[in-house]
Amino acid sequence: MVSSPHEAMHRIFQEYPGLFSRVSEVLGVAIPAPTSVTILPTDLSEPRPLERRVDTLLRFDTETDGSFLLAVEAQGKKDPAKPASWAYYLSYLHTKYQLPPLLLVVCQDRATAEWAAQPVHIGPAQWAALTLRPLVAGPHNMPVITNTAEARKDLALSTLAAITHAGDPEVGAILKALSAALRDTPEDLAHPLAELIAQGLGRRPAAHQWRHLMAVDLSFYKSPISQEIREEGRAEGREEGRTQGRAESRAEDLLLVLEQRGMDIPDGARERITHCDDAELLRHWLTRAVTAPTLEDVFTED
């Protein structure tokens, strides 16, 4: 599974294109609901060896305003080179499809979102030939949904809101509400959204909380993320087993060395050795047992 917030921030619009209508409404831009949506190729390369790819590209058809293109870009940090690339994307799309293009940038931190939202004027200061004005969705304007009933009303929007608030202090409450909402949702809808959330949280601390919520929820027992969690648990169990095996082996070696040296091993000392599960400490004792004049010297710290 690709565990990338970048993927989740734009791919959710491929899986749920109608989400953009709700996002635009949240952002205060009146975009009519589409009558149809077409996922278009994301390769914007030119014949010359210069490859440019937009993250997600969709065509929206509406009854009142005709058709337009939506390019979705997931932006993780400020990048001075990006505005020029975005302007190129929009110009290229307008030329190729002869449709008005719109750029939506999705961010997970406020500073990046505010940077991305700034208009970029291309051209002389006296007369800007082109102005780049992306729509930006991020923690500064996406809703904080901590109520299960509210999350259930629009699961796709709630998922995107959770992803954009991945670094917020309230993300725990957001994830709990969303987990409870998904619990009563059909598997074919709940599981993909759960995967997108796992991707969107990436390596942030909230990711561990989300994985725990999924692991303890039997409704997600067959989902890919739960299977992955169980496999990690099995791997940890195997490692614990190997560690325990090393400890038992070294305890046996230590007792054998002490017996071969003719040392009397009281029950308390024997129990201390056999019950020790620290393989490194047992190795330390074993090293000392070769030359220690008494049993007490084996356990005495330097």
Protein backbone atom coordinates (compact mmCIF):
# COMPACT_ATOMS: atom_id res chain seq x y z
CA MET A 1 0.00 0.00 0.00
CA VAL A 2 1.34 3.43 -0.90
CA SER A 3 1.48 5.35 2.38
CA SER A 4 1.71 8.85 0.96
CA PRO A 5 -0.32 11.89 2.06
CA HIS A 6 0.41 13.30 -1.41
CA GLU A 7 -1.52 10.46 -3.04
CA ALA A 8 -4.50 10.67 -0.71
CA MET A 9 -4.90 14.46 -1.02
CA HIS A 10 -5.56 14.31 -4.76
CA ARG A 11 -6.67 10.73 -5.42
CA ILE A 12 -9.79 11.18 -3.31
CA PHE A 13 -11.10 13.45 -6.10
CA GLN A 14 -10.61 10.61 -8.58
CA GLU A 15 -12.56 8.23 -6.36
CA TYR A 16 -15.24 10.77 -5.42
CA PRO A 17 -15.36 13.51 -8.10
CA GLY A 18 -18.56 14.96 -6.67
CA LEU A 19 -16.54 15.92 -3.60
CA PHE A 20 -15.31 19.02 -5.44
CA SER A 21 -18.77 20.57 -5.43
CA ARG A 22 -18.85 20.38 -1.63
CA VAL A 23 -15.25 21.56 -1.31
CA SER A 24 -15.90 24.57 -3.54
CA GLU A 25 -18.95 25.36 -1.44
CA VAL A 26 -16.84 25.21 1.72
CA LEU A 27 -14.28 27.49 0.05
CA GLY A 28 -16.97 30.03 -0.82
CA VAL A 29 -16.83 29.61 -4.60
CA ALA A 30 -20.09 28.95 -6.44
CA ILE A 31 -19.35 26.01 -8.75
CA PRO A 32 -22.46 24.24 -10.11
CA ALA A 33 -22.84 20.54 -9.46
CA PRO A 34 -21.68 18.43 -12.43
CA THR A 35 -23.99 16.34 -14.56
CA SER A 36 -21.04 14.08 -15.42
CA VAL A 37 -17.35 13.78 -14.60
CA THR A 38 -14.61 12.28 -16.78
CA ILE A 39 -11.19 11.30 -15.45
CA LEU A 40 -8.60 12.48 -17.99
CA PRO A 41 -4.95 11.47 -18.50
CA THR A 42 -2.61 13.28 -16.13
CA ASP A 43 0.38 13.30 -18.49
CA LEU A 44 0.99 16.89 -19.63
CA SER A 45 4.32 16.16 -21.32
CA GLU A 46 5.37 17.80 -24.57
CA PRO A 47 7.00 15.94 -27.47
CA ARG A 48 10.37 17.32 -26.41
CA PRO A 49 12.04 15.53 -23.45
CA LEU A 50 10.25 17.54 -20.75
CA GLU A 51 7.76 15.68 -18.63
CA ARG A 52 5.09 17.48 -16.63
CA ARG A 53 2.33 15.71 -14.76
CA VAL A 54 -0.58 17.11 -12.83
CA ASP A 55 -1.59 14.99 -9.83
CA THR A 56 -5.25 14.50 -10.79
CA LEU A 57 -7.17 15.84 -13.79
CA LEU A 58 -10.97 15.72 -14.12
CA ARG A 59 -13.48 17.04 -16.63
CA PHE A 60 -16.72 18.38 -15.16
CA ASP A 61 -19.87 18.85 -17.27
CA THR A 62 -22.64 21.06 -15.86
CA GLU A 63 -26.12 21.99 -17.03
CA THR A 64 -25.75 25.76 -16.50
CA ASP A 65 -22.07 26.64 -17.00
CA GLY A 66 -20.98 24.07 -19.58
CA SER A 67 -17.79 22.11 -19.01
CA PHE A 68 -14.52 22.84 -17.25
CA LEU A 69 -11.35 21.03 -16.20
CA LEU A 70 -10.25 20.51 -12.61
CA ALA A 71 -6.56 19.96 -11.92
CA VAL A 72 -5.88 18.83 -8.33
CA GLU A 73 -2.40 19.27 -6.88
CA ALA A 74 -1.30 17.98 -3.45
CA GLN A 75 1.32 20.34 -2.01
CA GLY A 76 3.37 19.34 1.03
CA LYS A 77 5.60 22.40 1.36
CA LYS A 78 6.39 25.77 -0.16
CA ASP A 79 8.09 25.47 -3.53
CA PRO A 80 9.02 28.68 -5.38
CA ALA A 81 9.10 26.76 -8.68
CA LYS A 82 5.54 25.45 -8.37
CA PRO A 83 3.54 28.56 -9.45
CA ALA A 84 5.31 28.54 -12.83
CA SER A 85 4.50 24.85 -13.24
CA TRP A 86 0.87 25.43 -12.26
CA ALA A 87 0.56 28.28 -14.74
CA TYR A 88 2.00 25.99 -17.41
CA TYR A 89 -0.49 23.25 -16.52
CA LEU A 90 -3.47 25.58 -16.84
CA SER A 91 -2.25 27.12 -20.08
CA TYR A 92 -1.53 23.72 -21.59
CA LEU A 93 -4.90 22.32 -20.53
CA HIS A 94 -6.74 25.32 -21.95
CA THR A 95 -4.90 24.92 -25.24
CA LYS A 96 -5.33 21.16 -25.49
CA TYR A 97 -8.96 20.78 -24.38
CA GLN A 98 -10.33 24.24 -25.23
CA LEU A 99 -12.06 24.27 -21.86
CA PRO A 100 -11.61 26.61 -18.87
CA PRO A 101 -9.22 25.00 -16.36
CA LEU A 102 -9.39 25.38 -12.59
CA LEU A 103 -6.59 24.50 -10.14
CA LEU A 104 -7.29 23.15 -6.64
CA VAL A 105 -4.29 22.86 -4.30
CA VAL A 106 -4.69 20.65 -1.21
CA CYS A 107 -2.34 21.22 1.75
CA GLN A 108 -1.84 19.85 5.24
CA ASP A 109 -0.28 22.85 6.97
CA ARG A 110 -1.50 26.41 7.21
CA ALA A 111 1.73 28.10 6.11
CA THR A 112 1.87 26.13 2.85
CA ALA A 113 -1.83 26.70 2.23
CA GLU A 114 -1.54 30.47 2.71
CA TRP A 115 1.49 30.54 0.42
CA ALA A 116 -0.31 28.53 -2.27
CA ALA A 117 -3.38 30.78 -2.10
CA GLN A 118 -1.48 33.96 -2.95
CA PRO A 119 -2.20 35.19 -6.51
CA VAL A 120 0.83 35.02 -8.78
CA HIS A 121 1.01 37.72 -11.45
CA ILE A 122 2.99 36.72 -14.52
CA GLY A 123 4.21 39.58 -16.69
CA PRO A 124 5.51 43.13 -16.18
CA ALA A 125 4.49 44.94 -13.00
CA GLN A 126 2.59 47.50 -15.08
CA TRP A 127 0.40 44.87 -16.75
CA ALA A 128 0.17 41.27 -15.66
CA ALA A 129 -0.36 39.14 -18.76
CA LEU A 130 -1.48 36.19 -16.64
CA THR A 131 -2.61 35.84 -13.05
CA LEU A 132 -2.57 32.47 -11.32
CA ARG A 133 -5.32 32.12 -8.69
CA PRO A 134 -5.63 28.56 -7.37
CA LEU A 135 -8.33 27.42 -5.01
CA VAL A 136 -6.68 26.09 -1.85
CA ALA A 137 -8.07 23.57 0.63
CA GLY A 138 -6.16 23.14 3.88
CA PRO A 139 -6.37 23.20 7.67
CA HIS A 140 -7.16 26.93 7.57
CA ASN A 141 -10.50 26.48 5.79
CA MET A 142 -11.52 22.81 5.88
CA PRO A 143 -14.10 22.04 8.59
CA VAL A 144 -13.09 20.39 11.86
CA ILE A 145 -15.63 17.55 12.06
CA THR A 146 -15.67 15.92 15.49
CA ASN A 147 -19.33 14.88 15.49
CA THR A 148 -20.14 11.40 14.20
CA ALA A 149 -23.51 12.38 12.78
CA GLU A 150 -21.96 15.30 10.93
CA ALA A 151 -19.16 13.10 9.61
CA ARG A 152 -21.72 10.56 8.38
CA LYS A 153 -23.54 13.21 6.33
CA ASP A 154 -20.63 13.53 3.88
CA LEU A 155 -17.97 10.86 4.34
CA ALA A 156 -15.79 12.02 1.44
CA LEU A 157 -15.64 15.60 2.72
CA SER A 158 -15.04 14.32 6.25
CA THR A 159 -12.16 12.18 4.96
CA LEU A 160 -10.53 15.09 3.15
CA ALA A 161 -11.03 17.28 6.23
CA ALA A 162 -9.31 14.65 8.40
CA ILE A 163 -6.38 14.44 5.96
CA THR A 164 -5.91 18.22 5.81
CA HIS A 165 -6.06 18.41 9.63
CA ALA A 166 -3.53 15.57 10.07
CA GLY A 167 -1.21 17.78 12.10
CA ASP A 168 -3.87 19.55 14.19
CA PRO A 169 -4.22 18.99 17.96
CA GLU A 170 -7.88 18.05 17.41
CA VAL A 171 -7.12 15.34 14.88
CA GLY A 172 -7.76 12.62 17.49
CA ALA A 173 -11.37 13.70 17.96
CA ILE A 174 -11.76 14.02 14.18
CA LEU A 175 -10.53 10.46 13.62
CA LYS A 176 -12.74 9.02 16.37
CA ALA A 177 -15.83 10.63 14.85
CA LEU A 178 -14.92 9.44 11.37
CA SER A 179 -14.15 5.92 12.57
CA ALA A 180 -17.55 5.72 14.25
CA ALA A 181 -19.21 7.01 11.08
CA LEU A 182 -17.44 4.47 8.86
CA ARG A 183 -18.37 1.64 11.21
CA ASP A 184 -21.99 1.83 10.04
CA THR A 185 -21.05 2.33 6.37
CA PRO A 186 -21.08 -0.47 3.77
CA GLU A 187 -17.66 -2.07 3.37
CA ASP A 188 -17.27 -1.17 -0.31
CA LEU A 189 -17.38 2.51 0.69
CA ALA A 190 -15.85 2.39 4.16
CA HIS A 191 -12.70 0.44 3.32
CA PRO A 192 -11.41 2.72 0.51
CA LEU A 193 -12.00 5.78 2.70
CA ALA A 194 -10.16 4.13 5.59
CA GLU A 195 -7.23 3.44 3.27
CA LEU A 196 -7.19 7.05 2.04
CA ILE A 197 -7.10 8.31 5.62
CA ALA A 198 -4.19 5.98 6.42
CA GLN A 199 -2.34 7.28 3.37
CA GLY A 200 -3.16 10.88 4.17
CA LEU A 201 -1.87 10.69 7.75
CA GLY A 202 1.46 9.33 6.51
CA ARG A 203 4.02 9.06 9.31
CA ARG A 204 2.39 11.60 11.61
CA PRO A 205 1.56 10.54 15.18
CA ALA A 206 -2.14 10.52 14.29
CA ALA A 207 -1.46 7.61 11.92
CA HIS A 208 -0.87 5.32 14.91
CA GLN A 209 -4.19 6.32 16.42
CA TRP A 210 -6.01 5.66 13.15
CA ARG A 211 -4.37 2.26 12.77
CA HIS A 212 -5.39 1.42 16.33
CA LEU A 213 -9.00 2.45 15.61
CA MET A 214 -9.00 0.21 12.55
CA ALA A 215 -7.32 -2.68 14.35
CA VAL A 216 -9.86 -2.85 17.18
CA ASP A 217 -12.88 -2.42 14.89
CA LEU A 218 -14.05 -5.81 13.65
CA SER A 219 -15.99 -4.19 10.81
CA PHE A 220 -12.63 -3.48 9.16
CA TYR A 221 -11.30 -7.00 9.76
CA LYS A 222 -10.94 -7.77 6.04
CA SER A 223 -9.75 -4.35 4.91
CA PRO A 224 -6.19 -3.99 3.52
CA ILE A 225 -5.10 -1.71 6.35
CA SER A 226 -6.29 -4.16 9.01
CA GLN A 227 -4.51 -7.00 7.22
CA GLU A 228 -1.36 -4.89 7.16
CA ILE A 229 -1.70 -4.14 10.88
CA ARG A 230 -2.14 -7.83 11.66
CA GLU A 231 0.93 -8.69 9.57
CA GLU A 232 2.95 -6.09 11.47
CA GLY A 233 1.71 -7.64 14.70
CA ARG A 234 2.78 -11.09 13.51
CA ALA A 235 6.20 -9.71 12.56
CA GLU A 236 6.57 -8.14 15.99
CA GLY A 237 5.51 -11.42 17.55
CA ARG A 238 8.11 -13.32 15.53
CA GLU A 239 10.78 -10.84 16.59
CA GLU A 240 9.71 -11.15 20.22
CA GLY A 241 9.89 -14.91 19.83
CA ARG A 242 13.41 -14.72 18.43
CA THR A 243 14.46 -12.41 21.27
CA GLN A 244 12.95 -14.77 23.84
CA GLY A 245 14.71 -17.69 22.16
CA ARG A 246 18.08 -15.93 22.38
CA ALA A 247 17.49 -15.18 26.06
CA GLU A 248 16.63 -18.80 26.86
CA SER A 249 19.67 -20.06 24.96
CA ARG A 250 22.03 -17.70 26.77
CA ALA A 251 20.51 -18.60 30.14
CA GLU A 252 21.22 -22.27 29.43
CA ASP A 253 24.79 -21.45 28.36
CA LEU A 254 25.36 -19.39 31.51
CA LEU A 255 24.14 -22.16 33.78
CA LEU A 256 26.32 -24.69 31.93
CA VAL A 257 29.46 -22.53 32.33
CA LEU A 258 28.80 -22.03 36.05
CA GLU A 259 28.22 -25.76 36.57
CA GLN A 260 31.37 -26.68 34.61
CA ARG A 261 33.36 -24.32 36.82
CA GLY A 262 32.02 -26.16 39.86
CA MET A 263 30.12 -23.22 41.29
CA ASP A 264 27.18 -23.83 43.58
CA ILE A 265 24.05 -22.21 42.10
CA PRO A 266 21.40 -21.48 44.75
CA ASP A 267 17.76 -21.65 43.74
CA GLY A 268 17.47 -17.84 43.89
CA ALA A 269 20.37 -17.33 41.47
CA ARG A 270 19.13 -20.08 39.14
CA GLU A 271 15.65 -18.48 39.09
CA ARG A 272 17.20 -15.06 38.42
CA ILE A 273 19.00 -16.46 35.39
CA THR A 274 16.17 -18.53 33.92
CA HIS A 275 13.58 -15.77 34.37
CA CYS A 276 15.74 -13.06 32.78
CA ASP A 277 14.42 -12.16 29.30
CA ASP A 278 17.16 -9.60 28.54
CA ALA A 279 19.43 -11.41 26.10
CA GLU A 280 22.05 -8.64 26.24
CA LEU A 281 22.26 -8.76 30.05
CA LEU A 282 22.57 -12.55 29.93
CA ARG A 283 25.40 -12.20 27.43
CA HIS A 284 27.09 -9.81 29.86
CA TRP A 285 26.73 -12.31 32.71
CA LEU A 286 27.96 -15.14 30.50
CA THR A 287 31.11 -13.18 29.63
CA ARG A 288 31.80 -12.58 33.33
CA ALA A 289 31.05 -16.20 34.28
CA VAL A 290 34.15 -17.38 32.40
CA THR A 291 36.57 -15.65 34.79
CA ALA A 292 34.56 -14.48 37.84
CA PRO A 293 36.01 -15.92 41.07
CA THR A 294 32.56 -16.20 42.72
CA LEU A 295 28.95 -16.36 41.68
CA GLU A 296 28.34 -12.95 43.27
CA ASP A 297 30.97 -11.43 40.97
CA VAL A 298 28.98 -12.59 37.93
CA PHE A 299 26.07 -10.36 38.93
CA THR A 300 28.04 -7.48 40.50
CA GLU A 301 28.11 -4.31 38.40
CA ASP A 302 31.47 -2.68 37.67
